[in-house]
């Protein structure tokens, strides 16, 4: 049970940090780097604490590279 209570505290603290990073506008990958957690842990915490962290903020459209003309 001691491990479980530690895990619950860790999860709650990490979820709080996730919300803070979201509020300052970091991307998911930037948040992962700051927290030092895996994608799996990050996703688990988002689900567990019902955090809506967008996968991508509105930004420029992806670059378009035209196909080279065939000769």
N, C-alpha and C. Protein backbone atom coordinates (compact mmCIF):
# COMPACT_ATOMS: atom_id res chain seq x y z
N UNK A 1 0.81 -1.21 0.00
CA UNK A 1 0.00 0.00 0.00
C UNK A 1 0.85 1.26 0.00
N UNK A 2 2.05 1.16 0.58
CA UNK A 2 2.91 2.33 0.62
C UNK A 2 3.27 2.76 -0.80
N UNK A 3 3.56 1.78 -1.67
CA UNK A 3 3.90 2.10 -3.06
C UNK A 3 2.70 2.75 -3.76
N UNK A 4 1.53 2.24 -3.49
CA UNK A 4 0.33 2.77 -4.14
C UNK A 4 0.10 4.23 -3.76
N UNK A 5 0.25 4.58 -2.48
CA UNK A 5 0.05 5.97 -2.07
C UNK A 5 1.12 6.87 -2.67
N UNK A 6 2.34 6.36 -2.80
CA UNK A 6 3.39 7.13 -3.46
C UNK A 6 3.02 7.37 -4.92
N UNK A 7 2.54 6.33 -5.59
CA UNK A 7 2.15 6.46 -7.00
C UNK A 7 1.02 7.46 -7.17
N UNK A 8 0.06 7.45 -6.25
CA UNK A 8 -1.06 8.40 -6.34
C UNK A 8 -0.55 9.83 -6.18
N UNK A 9 0.36 10.05 -5.25
CA UNK A 9 0.92 11.40 -5.06
C UNK A 9 1.72 11.81 -6.28
N UNK A 10 2.51 10.89 -6.82
CA UNK A 10 3.30 11.16 -8.02
C UNK A 10 2.38 11.54 -9.18
N UNK A 11 1.32 10.74 -9.37
CA UNK A 11 0.37 11.00 -10.46
C UNK A 11 -0.27 12.37 -10.31
N UNK A 12 -0.71 12.70 -9.10
CA UNK A 12 -1.38 13.98 -8.86
C UNK A 12 -0.41 15.14 -9.10
N UNK A 13 0.82 15.01 -8.61
CA UNK A 13 1.81 16.08 -8.81
C UNK A 13 2.15 16.24 -10.28
N UNK A 14 2.30 15.13 -10.98
CA UNK A 14 2.65 15.19 -12.40
C UNK A 14 1.49 15.77 -13.20
N UNK A 15 0.26 15.41 -12.85
CA UNK A 15 -0.92 15.95 -13.55
C UNK A 15 -0.99 17.47 -13.35
N UNK A 16 -0.66 17.92 -12.15
CA UNK A 16 -0.65 19.36 -11.88
C UNK A 16 0.40 20.05 -12.75
N UNK A 17 1.56 19.43 -12.88
CA UNK A 17 2.61 19.99 -13.73
C UNK A 17 2.19 20.00 -15.19
N UNK A 18 1.49 18.95 -15.63
CA UNK A 18 1.00 18.88 -17.02
C UNK A 18 0.07 20.06 -17.29
N UNK A 19 -0.85 20.32 -16.36
CA UNK A 19 -1.77 21.45 -16.53
C UNK A 19 -1.03 22.77 -16.61
N UNK A 20 0.01 22.93 -15.80
CA UNK A 20 0.80 24.16 -15.81
C UNK A 20 1.51 24.32 -17.16
N UNK A 21 2.10 23.24 -17.66
CA UNK A 21 2.81 23.30 -18.95
C UNK A 21 1.83 23.59 -20.09
N UNK A 22 0.63 23.04 -19.98
CA UNK A 22 -0.40 23.29 -21.00
C UNK A 22 -0.78 24.78 -20.99
N UNK A 23 -0.94 25.34 -19.79
CA UNK A 23 -1.34 26.75 -19.67
C UNK A 23 -0.31 27.70 -20.24
N UNK A 24 0.99 27.35 -20.12
CA UNK A 24 2.00 28.26 -20.66
C UNK A 24 2.24 28.04 -22.15
N UNK A 25 1.53 27.05 -22.73
CA UNK A 25 1.54 26.90 -24.18
C UNK A 25 2.56 25.92 -24.75
N UNK A 26 3.09 25.03 -23.93
CA UNK A 26 4.04 24.06 -24.47
C UNK A 26 3.31 22.99 -25.27
N UNK A 27 3.97 22.48 -26.29
CA UNK A 27 3.42 21.37 -27.06
C UNK A 27 3.51 20.10 -26.21
N UNK A 28 2.85 19.05 -26.66
CA UNK A 28 2.92 17.78 -25.93
C UNK A 28 4.37 17.29 -25.83
N UNK A 29 5.11 17.37 -26.93
CA UNK A 29 6.49 16.89 -26.91
C UNK A 29 7.36 17.73 -25.98
N UNK A 30 7.15 19.02 -25.96
CA UNK A 30 7.90 19.88 -25.05
C UNK A 30 7.56 19.53 -23.60
N UNK A 31 6.29 19.26 -23.34
CA UNK A 31 5.87 18.87 -21.99
C UNK A 31 6.50 17.54 -21.59
N UNK A 32 6.54 16.60 -22.52
CA UNK A 32 7.18 15.30 -22.24
C UNK A 32 8.65 15.49 -21.87
N UNK A 33 9.33 16.35 -22.62
CA UNK A 33 10.75 16.62 -22.32
C UNK A 33 10.91 17.25 -20.95
N UNK A 34 10.06 18.20 -20.61
CA UNK A 34 10.14 18.87 -19.31
C UNK A 34 9.87 17.91 -18.16
N UNK A 35 8.90 17.02 -18.35
CA UNK A 35 8.51 16.10 -17.29
C UNK A 35 9.43 14.89 -17.19
N UNK A 36 10.04 14.52 -18.32
CA UNK A 36 10.88 13.33 -18.33
C UNK A 36 10.08 12.04 -18.20
N UNK A 37 8.89 12.02 -18.79
CA UNK A 37 8.05 10.82 -18.76
C UNK A 37 7.88 10.28 -20.17
N UNK A 38 7.42 9.05 -20.25
CA UNK A 38 7.18 8.43 -21.56
C UNK A 38 5.82 8.86 -22.10
N UNK A 39 5.62 8.63 -23.40
CA UNK A 39 4.32 8.93 -24.02
C UNK A 39 3.22 8.14 -23.32
N UNK A 40 3.53 6.90 -22.97
CA UNK A 40 2.53 6.04 -22.33
C UNK A 40 2.10 6.61 -20.98
N UNK A 41 3.06 7.04 -20.17
CA UNK A 41 2.75 7.63 -18.86
C UNK A 41 1.96 8.92 -19.04
N UNK A 42 2.40 9.75 -19.99
CA UNK A 42 1.73 11.01 -20.27
C UNK A 42 0.26 10.76 -20.64
N UNK A 43 0.04 9.84 -21.56
CA UNK A 43 -1.32 9.52 -21.99
C UNK A 43 -2.16 8.96 -20.84
N UNK A 44 -1.55 8.11 -20.03
CA UNK A 44 -2.25 7.53 -18.88
C UNK A 44 -2.72 8.62 -17.93
N UNK A 45 -1.85 9.60 -17.67
CA UNK A 45 -2.21 10.69 -16.76
C UNK A 45 -3.29 11.60 -17.37
N UNK A 46 -3.20 11.84 -18.67
CA UNK A 46 -4.25 12.64 -19.33
C UNK A 46 -5.61 11.97 -19.17
N UNK A 47 -5.64 10.65 -19.35
CA UNK A 47 -6.90 9.90 -19.20
C UNK A 47 -7.36 9.89 -17.74
N UNK A 48 -6.44 9.59 -16.85
CA UNK A 48 -6.78 9.44 -15.43
C UNK A 48 -7.34 10.73 -14.83
N UNK A 49 -6.76 11.88 -15.21
CA UNK A 49 -7.18 13.15 -14.63
C UNK A 49 -8.05 13.97 -15.59
N UNK A 50 -8.48 13.33 -16.69
CA UNK A 50 -9.37 13.97 -17.67
C UNK A 50 -8.84 15.33 -18.12
N UNK A 51 -7.57 15.33 -18.55
CA UNK A 51 -6.92 16.55 -19.02
C UNK A 51 -7.02 16.60 -20.54
N UNK A 52 -7.52 17.71 -21.06
CA UNK A 52 -7.62 17.89 -22.50
C UNK A 52 -6.39 18.65 -22.98
N UNK A 53 -5.41 17.90 -23.49
CA UNK A 53 -4.17 18.52 -23.97
C UNK A 53 -4.15 18.34 -25.48
N UNK A 54 -4.41 19.40 -26.24
CA UNK A 54 -4.49 19.26 -27.70
C UNK A 54 -3.20 18.69 -28.29
N UNK A 55 -3.35 17.87 -29.31
CA UNK A 55 -2.18 17.28 -29.94
C UNK A 55 -1.40 18.31 -30.74
N UNK A 56 -2.09 19.28 -31.26
CA UNK A 56 -1.42 20.32 -32.03
C UNK A 56 -2.23 21.61 -31.93
N UNK A 57 -1.52 22.69 -31.71
CA UNK A 57 -2.22 23.96 -31.69
C UNK A 57 -2.31 24.47 -33.12
N UNK A 58 -3.21 25.38 -33.36
CA UNK A 58 -3.33 25.93 -34.72
C UNK A 58 -2.05 26.66 -35.07
N UNK A 59 -1.52 26.29 -36.18
CA UNK A 59 -0.28 26.92 -36.62
C UNK A 59 -0.25 26.93 -38.13
N UNK A 60 0.90 27.19 -38.68
CA UNK A 60 1.00 27.20 -40.14
C UNK A 60 0.74 25.82 -40.72
N UNK A 61 0.20 25.80 -41.90
CA UNK A 61 -0.05 24.53 -42.57
C UNK A 61 1.28 23.88 -42.91
N UNK A 62 1.29 22.55 -43.02
CA UNK A 62 2.55 21.88 -43.38
C UNK A 62 3.06 22.37 -44.73
N UNK A 63 4.35 22.34 -44.87
CA UNK A 63 4.96 22.79 -46.13
C UNK A 63 4.53 21.86 -47.27
N UNK A 64 4.38 22.43 -48.43
CA UNK A 64 4.01 21.65 -49.60
C UNK A 64 5.19 21.64 -50.57
N UNK A 65 5.59 20.47 -50.94
CA UNK A 65 6.69 20.36 -51.89
C UNK A 65 6.16 19.76 -53.18
N UNK A 66 6.22 20.52 -54.25
CA UNK A 66 5.72 20.05 -55.53
C UNK A 66 6.60 18.91 -56.04
N UNK A 67 5.97 17.99 -56.74
CA UNK A 67 6.71 16.88 -57.33
C UNK A 67 7.54 17.43 -58.48
N UNK A 68 8.76 16.95 -58.63
CA UNK A 68 9.56 17.42 -59.77
C UNK A 68 8.93 16.98 -61.10
N UNK A 69 9.05 17.81 -62.09
CA UNK A 69 8.49 17.50 -63.40
C UNK A 69 9.23 16.31 -64.01
N UNK A 70 8.45 15.41 -64.60
CA UNK A 70 9.10 14.24 -65.24
C UNK A 70 9.67 14.66 -66.58
N UNK A 71 10.78 14.04 -66.92
CA UNK A 71 11.45 14.43 -68.15
C UNK A 71 11.28 13.44 -69.25
